[in-house]
Amino acid sequence: MEENLCCESDLKAVLIVDDESSNREILRDLLRDEGYEIVLACDGGEGLRKATLGISVILLDIAMPGLDGISVCRYLKANPETAHIPVLFLSACPEKEVHEAALKAGAYDFLAKPVQVSELRVKVSAARQVDPRLAPEIRRACYQQFVRQGLALHQREEAGLDERMDRASLMEA
């Protein structure tokens, strides 16, 4: 059954919507290194306009002046052209109520600021793997499964690297 849930998008464009230019630039550089095409938006209105440009994942800041991220996400999910695009919120706000409101608006997940590079890579990749034809609640469950698998793989890779480095340092001694 897993084959039917996985349908990595041919689109590699990630839309980053954040009012802080330094955040946009850092995320842009990190994701470009992973081979993604990057589209930048400095506010919610611009993000809504650019969301129809063949975007596979949206990284969306919650706290922005004017149109905040939760409102943007609601608009995206109400528009048939953009409703299928996975939204991952960027948030420095630890308040549970804000996170619940964002999930209720249709977001898949959160990335806490400052963003952890491995978490960013795993979550963007996982969001791209979910078949957009599935019902929203199934898409989110599949996404969470892909994140767990991706994080587990990343941990195994790090453990293997640590082990090899330990062996190399023993050989030098």
Protein backbone atom coordinates (compact mmCIF):
# COMPACT_ATOMS: atom_id res chain seq x y z
CA MET A 1 0.00 0.00 0.00
CA GLU A 2 2.91 2.37 0.64
CA GLU A 3 3.66 2.63 -3.09
CA ASN A 4 0.29 4.33 -3.60
CA LEU A 5 1.01 6.89 -0.90
CA CYS A 6 4.39 7.91 -2.26
CA CYS A 7 4.41 10.03 -5.35
CA GLU A 8 7.37 12.40 -5.16
CA SER A 9 6.52 15.50 -7.08
CA ASP A 10 8.42 16.27 -10.26
CA LEU A 11 8.24 19.88 -9.14
CA LYS A 12 11.29 20.88 -7.13
CA ALA A 13 10.28 24.48 -6.37
CA VAL A 14 10.02 25.48 -2.72
CA LEU A 15 8.30 28.75 -1.86
CA ILE A 16 9.78 30.48 1.19
CA VAL A 17 7.51 33.14 2.68
CA ASP A 18 9.15 35.12 5.48
CA ASP A 19 9.30 38.84 6.21
CA GLU A 20 12.92 38.58 7.40
CA SER A 21 15.33 38.68 4.46
CA SER A 22 18.09 36.90 6.42
CA ASN A 23 15.74 33.95 7.11
CA ARG A 24 14.79 33.74 3.42
CA GLU A 25 18.44 33.83 2.34
CA ILE A 26 19.58 31.15 4.79
CA LEU A 27 16.73 28.81 3.86
CA ARG A 28 17.30 29.53 0.15
CA ASP A 29 20.98 28.61 0.42
CA LEU A 30 20.32 25.43 2.42
CA LEU A 31 17.65 24.17 0.02
CA ARG A 32 19.55 25.14 -3.14
CA ASP A 33 22.34 22.88 -1.92
CA GLU A 34 19.74 20.07 -1.94
CA GLY A 35 18.86 20.76 -5.58
CA TYR A 36 15.61 22.66 -5.05
CA GLU A 37 14.52 25.62 -7.12
CA ILE A 38 13.66 28.44 -4.71
CA VAL A 39 10.95 31.05 -4.97
CA LEU A 40 11.03 33.84 -2.36
CA ALA A 41 8.23 36.00 -0.98
CA CYS A 42 8.62 38.72 1.64
CA ASP A 43 5.00 38.78 2.85
CA GLY A 44 1.75 36.85 2.81
CA GLY A 45 0.25 38.60 -0.21
CA GLU A 46 3.29 37.95 -2.35
CA GLY A 47 3.34 34.35 -1.10
CA LEU A 48 -0.26 33.83 -2.22
CA ARG A 49 0.53 35.23 -5.68
CA LYS A 50 3.62 33.04 -6.11
CA ALA A 51 2.02 29.84 -4.77
CA THR A 52 0.55 29.09 -8.21
CA LEU A 53 3.99 28.97 -9.91
CA GLY A 54 4.53 25.20 -9.83
CA ILE A 55 5.39 25.00 -6.14
CA SER A 56 5.89 21.61 -4.45
CA VAL A 57 6.27 22.79 -0.81
CA ILE A 58 5.69 26.07 1.01
CA LEU A 59 7.76 27.17 4.01
CA LEU A 60 5.62 29.81 5.68
CA ASP A 61 6.47 32.10 8.59
CA ILE A 62 3.64 32.42 11.09
CA ALA A 63 4.34 35.91 12.42
CA MET A 64 4.40 38.44 9.59
CA PRO A 65 3.03 41.97 9.42
CA GLY A 66 -0.16 42.36 7.43
CA LEU A 67 -1.35 38.94 6.34
CA ASP A 68 -0.02 36.44 8.90
CA GLY A 69 0.96 32.88 8.03
CA ILE A 70 -2.15 31.24 9.43
CA SER A 71 -4.38 33.45 7.27
CA VAL A 72 -2.20 32.74 4.23
CA CYS A 73 -2.49 29.00 4.88
CA ARG A 74 -6.29 29.26 5.09
CA TYR A 75 -6.39 31.08 1.75
CA LEU A 76 -4.08 28.49 0.18
CA LYS A 77 -6.22 25.59 1.39
CA ALA A 78 -9.43 27.28 0.18
CA ASN A 79 -8.04 27.71 -3.35
CA PRO A 80 -8.33 24.53 -5.49
CA GLU A 81 -5.12 25.53 -7.35
CA THR A 82 -3.04 25.54 -4.16
CA ALA A 83 -4.98 23.38 -1.68
CA HIS A 84 -2.78 20.31 -2.36
CA ILE A 85 0.56 22.07 -1.67
CA PRO A 86 2.11 21.00 1.65
CA VAL A 87 2.66 23.91 4.03
CA LEU A 88 5.37 23.74 6.68
CA PHE A 89 5.29 26.59 9.16
CA LEU A 90 8.38 28.37 10.37
CA SER A 91 7.91 29.52 13.93
CA ALA A 92 9.90 30.91 16.82
CA CYS A 93 6.65 30.87 18.79
CA PRO A 94 6.44 27.89 21.15
CA GLU A 95 2.81 28.46 22.14
CA LYS A 96 0.72 25.33 21.67
CA GLU A 97 -2.39 27.34 20.72
CA VAL A 98 -0.58 28.90 17.76
CA HIS A 99 0.59 25.50 16.54
CA GLU A 100 -2.92 24.05 16.90
CA ALA A 101 -4.40 26.97 14.92
CA ALA A 102 -1.82 26.44 12.19
CA LEU A 103 -2.58 22.72 11.93
CA LYS A 104 -6.28 23.49 11.87
CA ALA A 105 -5.61 25.93 8.99
CA GLY A 106 -4.15 23.01 7.01
CA ALA A 107 -0.40 22.99 7.68
CA TYR A 108 1.49 19.69 7.69
CA ASP A 109 4.04 20.58 10.33
CA PHE A 110 6.41 23.11 11.91
CA LEU A 111 10.06 23.94 11.78
CA ALA A 112 11.23 25.75 14.88
CA LYS A 113 13.43 28.78 14.37
CA PRO A 114 16.37 28.60 14.31
CA VAL A 115 15.90 25.78 11.81
CA GLN A 116 17.88 22.55 12.20
CA VAL A 117 19.36 21.68 8.79
CA SER A 118 18.70 17.93 9.04
CA GLU A 119 15.10 18.52 10.11
CA LEU A 120 14.58 20.97 7.23
CA ARG A 121 15.91 18.46 4.70
CA VAL A 122 13.85 15.57 6.05
CA LYS A 123 10.60 17.53 6.33
CA VAL A 124 10.79 19.15 2.89
CA SER A 125 11.63 15.79 1.32
CA ALA A 126 8.81 14.06 3.21
CA ALA A 127 6.28 16.71 2.16
CA ARG A 128 7.22 16.18 -1.50
CA GLN A 129 6.69 12.42 -1.24
CA VAL A 130 3.01 12.49 -0.28
CA ASP A 131 0.49 11.88 -3.04
CA PRO A 132 -1.53 15.13 -3.36
CA ARG A 133 -4.58 13.16 -4.57
CA LEU A 134 -5.13 11.69 -1.10
CA ALA A 135 -7.57 13.19 1.39
CA PRO A 136 -5.95 15.92 3.54
CA GLU A 137 -5.98 13.91 6.77
CA ILE A 138 -4.37 10.92 5.01
CA ARG A 139 -1.76 13.18 3.40
CA ARG A 140 -0.77 14.52 6.82
CA ALA A 141 -0.54 11.00 8.29
CA CYS A 142 1.61 9.85 5.34
CA TYR A 143 3.80 12.91 5.73
CA GLN A 144 4.35 12.11 9.42
CA GLN A 145 5.30 8.54 8.51
CA PHE A 146 7.82 9.78 5.92
CA VAL A 147 9.29 12.20 8.47
CA ARG A 148 9.75 9.41 11.03
CA GLN A 149 11.45 7.26 8.39
CA GLY A 150 13.66 10.13 7.23
CA LEU A 151 14.72 11.09 10.74
CA ALA A 152 15.46 7.45 11.59
CA LEU A 153 17.61 7.13 8.46
CA HIS A 154 19.41 10.37 9.30
CA GLN A 155 20.13 9.11 12.84
CA ARG A 156 21.48 5.82 11.49
CA GLU A 157 23.71 7.67 9.03
CA GLU A 158 25.03 9.95 11.79
CA ALA A 159 25.67 6.96 14.07
CA GLY A 160 27.59 5.22 11.27
CA LEU A 161 29.65 8.34 10.66
CA ASP A 162 30.41 8.66 14.39
CA GLU A 163 31.47 5.00 14.48
CA ARG A 164 33.80 5.44 11.48
CA MET A 165 35.35 8.54 13.02
CA ASP A 166 35.87 6.70 16.32
CA ARG A 167 37.60 3.83 14.47
CA ALA A 168 39.78 6.26 12.53
CA SER A 169 40.89 8.04 15.71
CA LEU A 170 41.72 4.67 17.33
CA MET A 171 43.88 3.75 14.35
CA GLU A 172 45.76 7.04 14.65
CA ALA A 173 46.46 6.49 18.35
